[in-house]
Amino acid sequence: MARKKKGPESGHCSKLLERMSRYIEGDLGSDCCGELEKHLAECPECRSTLVGMRRLADLCRECREQEVSRSPDFRTRLLQVLFPEP
């Protein structure tokens, strides 16, 4: 019997991914938080996605607080911050 597909591309993951930004901002109800946290404990792909989304949210907050210099290597540096090499 085939196992149910897991990961961000599965139906359940994509429903929860839609809620992650609200979760990061603290705007998600406790019932939904519990469901999302349970899923995150079991799904490494979604945990990794959450880490990336938190990094992006932090960078956006920093950008609001300071002017970002658009140097020639800006895109390269941004990608290194968002997706650091292991």
N, C-alpha and C. Protein backbone atom coordinates (compact mmCIF):
# COMPACT_ATOMS: atom_id res chain seq x y z
N MET A 1 0.83 -1.17 0.00
CA MET A 1 0.00 0.00 0.00
C MET A 1 0.89 1.24 0.00
N ALA A 2 0.57 2.23 -0.83
CA ALA A 2 1.37 3.45 -0.93
C ALA A 2 1.13 4.34 0.28
N ARG A 3 2.23 4.94 0.75
CA ARG A 3 2.13 5.87 1.88
C ARG A 3 1.64 7.22 1.39
N LYS A 4 0.96 7.92 2.25
CA LYS A 4 0.50 9.26 1.93
C LYS A 4 1.70 10.18 1.81
N LYS A 5 1.70 11.00 0.77
CA LYS A 5 2.80 11.91 0.51
C LYS A 5 2.88 12.97 1.59
N LYS A 6 4.10 13.21 2.09
CA LYS A 6 4.33 14.24 3.09
C LYS A 6 5.21 15.31 2.49
N GLY A 7 5.31 16.42 3.17
CA GLY A 7 6.13 17.52 2.72
C GLY A 7 5.27 18.70 2.32
N PRO A 8 5.91 19.85 2.04
CA PRO A 8 5.18 21.07 1.76
C PRO A 8 4.24 20.97 0.57
N GLU A 9 4.48 20.03 -0.34
CA GLU A 9 3.63 19.94 -1.51
C GLU A 9 2.36 19.13 -1.25
N SER A 10 2.26 18.45 -0.13
CA SER A 10 1.05 17.69 0.16
C SER A 10 -0.07 18.64 0.54
N GLY A 11 -1.31 18.18 0.41
CA GLY A 11 -2.46 19.02 0.71
C GLY A 11 -2.46 19.55 2.13
N HIS A 12 -2.18 18.69 3.09
CA HIS A 12 -2.19 19.10 4.50
C HIS A 12 -1.10 20.13 4.76
N CYS A 13 0.09 19.91 4.24
CA CYS A 13 1.20 20.85 4.44
C CYS A 13 0.85 22.21 3.84
N SER A 14 0.31 22.22 2.63
CA SER A 14 0.05 23.51 2.00
C SER A 14 -1.03 24.29 2.75
N LYS A 15 -1.99 23.61 3.35
CA LYS A 15 -2.99 24.31 4.17
C LYS A 15 -2.32 24.96 5.37
N LEU A 16 -1.40 24.25 6.01
CA LEU A 16 -0.72 24.79 7.18
C LEU A 16 0.28 25.87 6.79
N LEU A 17 0.89 25.73 5.64
CA LEU A 17 1.83 26.76 5.18
C LEU A 17 1.14 28.10 5.02
N GLU A 18 -0.11 28.08 4.63
CA GLU A 18 -0.87 29.32 4.49
C GLU A 18 -1.01 30.04 5.83
N ARG A 19 -0.96 29.30 6.92
CA ARG A 19 -1.12 29.88 8.25
C ARG A 19 0.19 30.31 8.90
N MET A 20 1.32 29.92 8.31
CA MET A 20 2.61 30.16 8.97
C MET A 20 2.91 31.63 9.20
N SER A 21 2.59 32.50 8.25
CA SER A 21 2.91 33.91 8.46
C SER A 21 2.10 34.47 9.63
N ARG A 22 0.84 34.06 9.75
CA ARG A 22 0.03 34.49 10.90
C ARG A 22 0.60 33.91 12.19
N TYR A 23 1.13 32.70 12.13
CA TYR A 23 1.75 32.06 13.29
C TYR A 23 2.99 32.84 13.73
N ILE A 24 3.82 33.21 12.77
CA ILE A 24 5.05 33.95 13.06
C ILE A 24 4.72 35.30 13.71
N GLU A 25 3.68 35.94 13.24
CA GLU A 25 3.30 37.26 13.77
C GLU A 25 2.48 37.16 15.06
N GLY A 26 2.13 35.94 15.48
CA GLY A 26 1.36 35.76 16.71
C GLY A 26 -0.11 36.05 16.54
N ASP A 27 -0.60 35.97 15.29
CA ASP A 27 -2.00 36.28 14.99
C ASP A 27 -2.85 35.04 14.74
N LEU A 28 -2.40 33.88 15.20
CA LEU A 28 -3.11 32.63 14.94
C LEU A 28 -3.72 32.14 16.24
N GLY A 29 -4.97 31.71 16.20
CA GLY A 29 -5.66 31.22 17.38
C GLY A 29 -4.97 30.00 17.99
N SER A 30 -5.23 29.76 19.26
CA SER A 30 -4.54 28.67 19.97
C SER A 30 -4.84 27.29 19.38
N ASP A 31 -6.06 27.06 18.91
CA ASP A 31 -6.37 25.76 18.29
C ASP A 31 -5.52 25.53 17.05
N CYS A 32 -5.43 26.56 16.21
CA CYS A 32 -4.64 26.45 14.98
C CYS A 32 -3.15 26.34 15.30
N CYS A 33 -2.71 27.07 16.34
CA CYS A 33 -1.29 26.99 16.74
C CYS A 33 -0.95 25.57 17.15
N GLY A 34 -1.81 24.96 17.93
CA GLY A 34 -1.56 23.59 18.38
C GLY A 34 -1.46 22.62 17.22
N GLU A 35 -2.37 22.76 16.26
CA GLU A 35 -2.34 21.89 15.08
C GLU A 35 -1.06 22.11 14.28
N LEU A 36 -0.69 23.37 14.09
CA LEU A 36 0.52 23.68 13.33
C LEU A 36 1.77 23.19 14.06
N GLU A 37 1.85 23.41 15.36
CA GLU A 37 3.02 22.97 16.13
C GLU A 37 3.15 21.45 16.13
N LYS A 38 2.03 20.75 16.19
CA LYS A 38 2.07 19.28 16.12
C LYS A 38 2.63 18.85 14.76
N HIS A 39 2.15 19.49 13.71
CA HIS A 39 2.62 19.16 12.36
C HIS A 39 4.11 19.47 12.22
N LEU A 40 4.53 20.63 12.73
CA LEU A 40 5.94 21.02 12.63
C LEU A 40 6.85 20.01 13.35
N ALA A 41 6.37 19.44 14.43
CA ALA A 41 7.15 18.44 15.17
C ALA A 41 7.38 17.18 14.33
N GLU A 42 6.50 16.94 13.37
CA GLU A 42 6.56 15.72 12.57
C GLU A 42 7.07 15.93 11.14
N CYS A 43 7.19 17.19 10.70
CA CYS A 43 7.49 17.46 9.28
C CYS A 43 8.73 18.34 9.15
N PRO A 44 9.89 17.75 8.84
CA PRO A 44 11.12 18.54 8.72
C PRO A 44 11.06 19.56 7.58
N GLU A 45 10.36 19.25 6.51
CA GLU A 45 10.26 20.20 5.40
C GLU A 45 9.54 21.47 5.83
N CYS A 46 8.45 21.34 6.57
CA CYS A 46 7.71 22.51 7.03
C CYS A 46 8.49 23.27 8.10
N ARG A 47 9.23 22.55 8.94
CA ARG A 47 10.09 23.23 9.94
C ARG A 47 11.12 24.09 9.22
N SER A 48 11.72 23.54 8.18
CA SER A 48 12.71 24.28 7.41
C SER A 48 12.07 25.51 6.75
N THR A 49 10.88 25.35 6.22
CA THR A 49 10.16 26.47 5.62
C THR A 49 9.89 27.55 6.66
N LEU A 50 9.49 27.14 7.85
CA LEU A 50 9.21 28.09 8.93
C LEU A 50 10.47 28.87 9.29
N VAL A 51 11.61 28.21 9.36
CA VAL A 51 12.87 28.88 9.67
C VAL A 51 13.15 29.96 8.61
N GLY A 52 12.98 29.62 7.35
CA GLY A 52 13.19 30.58 6.27
C GLY A 52 12.23 31.75 6.34
N MET A 53 10.97 31.47 6.65
CA MET A 53 9.97 32.53 6.75
C MET A 53 10.29 33.46 7.93
N ARG A 54 10.78 32.89 9.03
CA ARG A 54 11.15 33.74 10.18
C ARG A 54 12.33 34.63 9.82
N ARG A 55 13.31 34.08 9.11
CA ARG A 55 14.46 34.88 8.67
C ARG A 55 13.99 36.04 7.79
N LEU A 56 13.09 35.73 6.86
CA LEU A 56 12.58 36.75 5.96
C LEU A 56 11.82 37.83 6.73
N ALA A 57 10.99 37.43 7.68
CA ALA A 57 10.24 38.40 8.50
C ALA A 57 11.20 39.28 9.29
N ASP A 58 12.25 38.68 9.84
CA ASP A 58 13.25 39.47 10.58
C ASP A 58 13.94 40.48 9.66
N LEU A 59 14.29 40.05 8.46
CA LEU A 59 14.94 40.96 7.52
C LEU A 59 14.00 42.10 7.12
N CYS A 60 12.74 41.80 6.94
CA CYS A 60 11.77 42.84 6.60
C CYS A 60 11.65 43.86 7.73
N ARG A 61 11.64 43.38 8.97
CA ARG A 61 11.59 44.30 10.11
C ARG A 61 12.84 45.18 10.15
N GLU A 62 13.99 44.58 9.91
CA GLU A 62 15.23 45.34 9.89
C GLU A 62 15.21 46.40 8.79
N CYS A 63 14.67 46.04 7.64
CA CYS A 63 14.61 46.99 6.52
C CYS A 63 13.71 48.17 6.84
N ARG A 64 12.66 47.93 7.59
CA ARG A 64 11.79 49.04 7.99
C ARG A 64 12.52 49.99 8.92
N GLU A 65 13.46 49.45 9.69
CA GLU A 65 14.16 50.24 10.69
C GLU A 65 15.37 50.99 10.13
N GLN A 66 15.88 50.53 9.01
CA GLN A 66 17.07 51.17 8.45
C GLN A 66 17.00 51.15 6.93
N GLU A 67 17.69 52.08 6.34
CA GLU A 67 17.74 52.12 4.89
C GLU A 67 18.68 51.02 4.40
N VAL A 68 18.25 50.30 3.39
CA VAL A 68 19.06 49.22 2.84
C VAL A 68 19.83 49.75 1.65
N SER A 69 21.12 49.58 1.71
CA SER A 69 21.98 50.00 0.60
C SER A 69 21.88 48.95 -0.50
N ARG A 70 21.56 49.40 -1.68
CA ARG A 70 21.42 48.47 -2.80
C ARG A 70 22.74 48.40 -3.56
N SER A 71 23.70 47.71 -2.94
CA SER A 71 25.01 47.55 -3.56
C SER A 71 24.92 46.48 -4.66
N PRO A 72 25.93 46.41 -5.53
CA PRO A 72 25.90 45.43 -6.62
C PRO A 72 25.75 43.98 -6.13
N ASP A 73 26.24 43.68 -4.93
CA ASP A 73 26.17 42.30 -4.45
C ASP A 73 25.01 42.11 -3.47
N PHE A 74 24.04 43.02 -3.46
CA PHE A 74 22.90 42.95 -2.54
C PHE A 74 22.15 41.61 -2.65
N ARG A 75 21.81 41.23 -3.87
CA ARG A 75 21.05 39.99 -4.07
C ARG A 75 21.82 38.77 -3.56
N THR A 76 23.09 38.72 -3.83
CA THR A 76 23.93 37.61 -3.38
C THR A 76 23.96 37.54 -1.86
N ARG A 77 24.17 38.71 -1.22
CA ARG A 77 24.21 38.74 0.25
C ARG A 77 22.86 38.36 0.85
N LEU A 78 21.77 38.84 0.24
CA LEU A 78 20.44 38.51 0.74
C LEU A 78 20.19 37.01 0.67
N LEU A 79 20.53 36.38 -0.45
CA LEU A 79 20.35 34.94 -0.59
C LEU A 79 21.20 34.17 0.42
N GLN A 80 22.39 34.66 0.73
CA GLN A 80 23.25 33.99 1.72
C GLN A 80 22.63 34.06 3.11
N VAL A 81 21.96 35.15 3.41
CA VAL A 81 21.31 35.28 4.72
C VAL A 81 20.07 34.38 4.78
N LEU A 82 19.29 34.36 3.70
CA LEU A 82 18.07 33.56 3.69
C LEU A 82 18.36 32.06 3.61
N PHE A 83 19.38 31.68 2.86
CA PHE A 83 19.68 30.27 2.64
C PHE A 83 21.16 30.00 2.91
N PRO A 84 21.58 30.04 4.18
CA PRO A 84 22.99 29.82 4.49
C PRO A 84 23.43 28.40 4.13
N GLU A 85 24.66 28.29 3.73
CA GLU A 85 25.23 26.98 3.42
C GLU A 85 25.35 26.19 4.73
N PRO A 86 25.02 24.89 4.71
CA PRO A 86 25.13 24.09 5.96
C PRO A 86 26.56 23.86 6.37
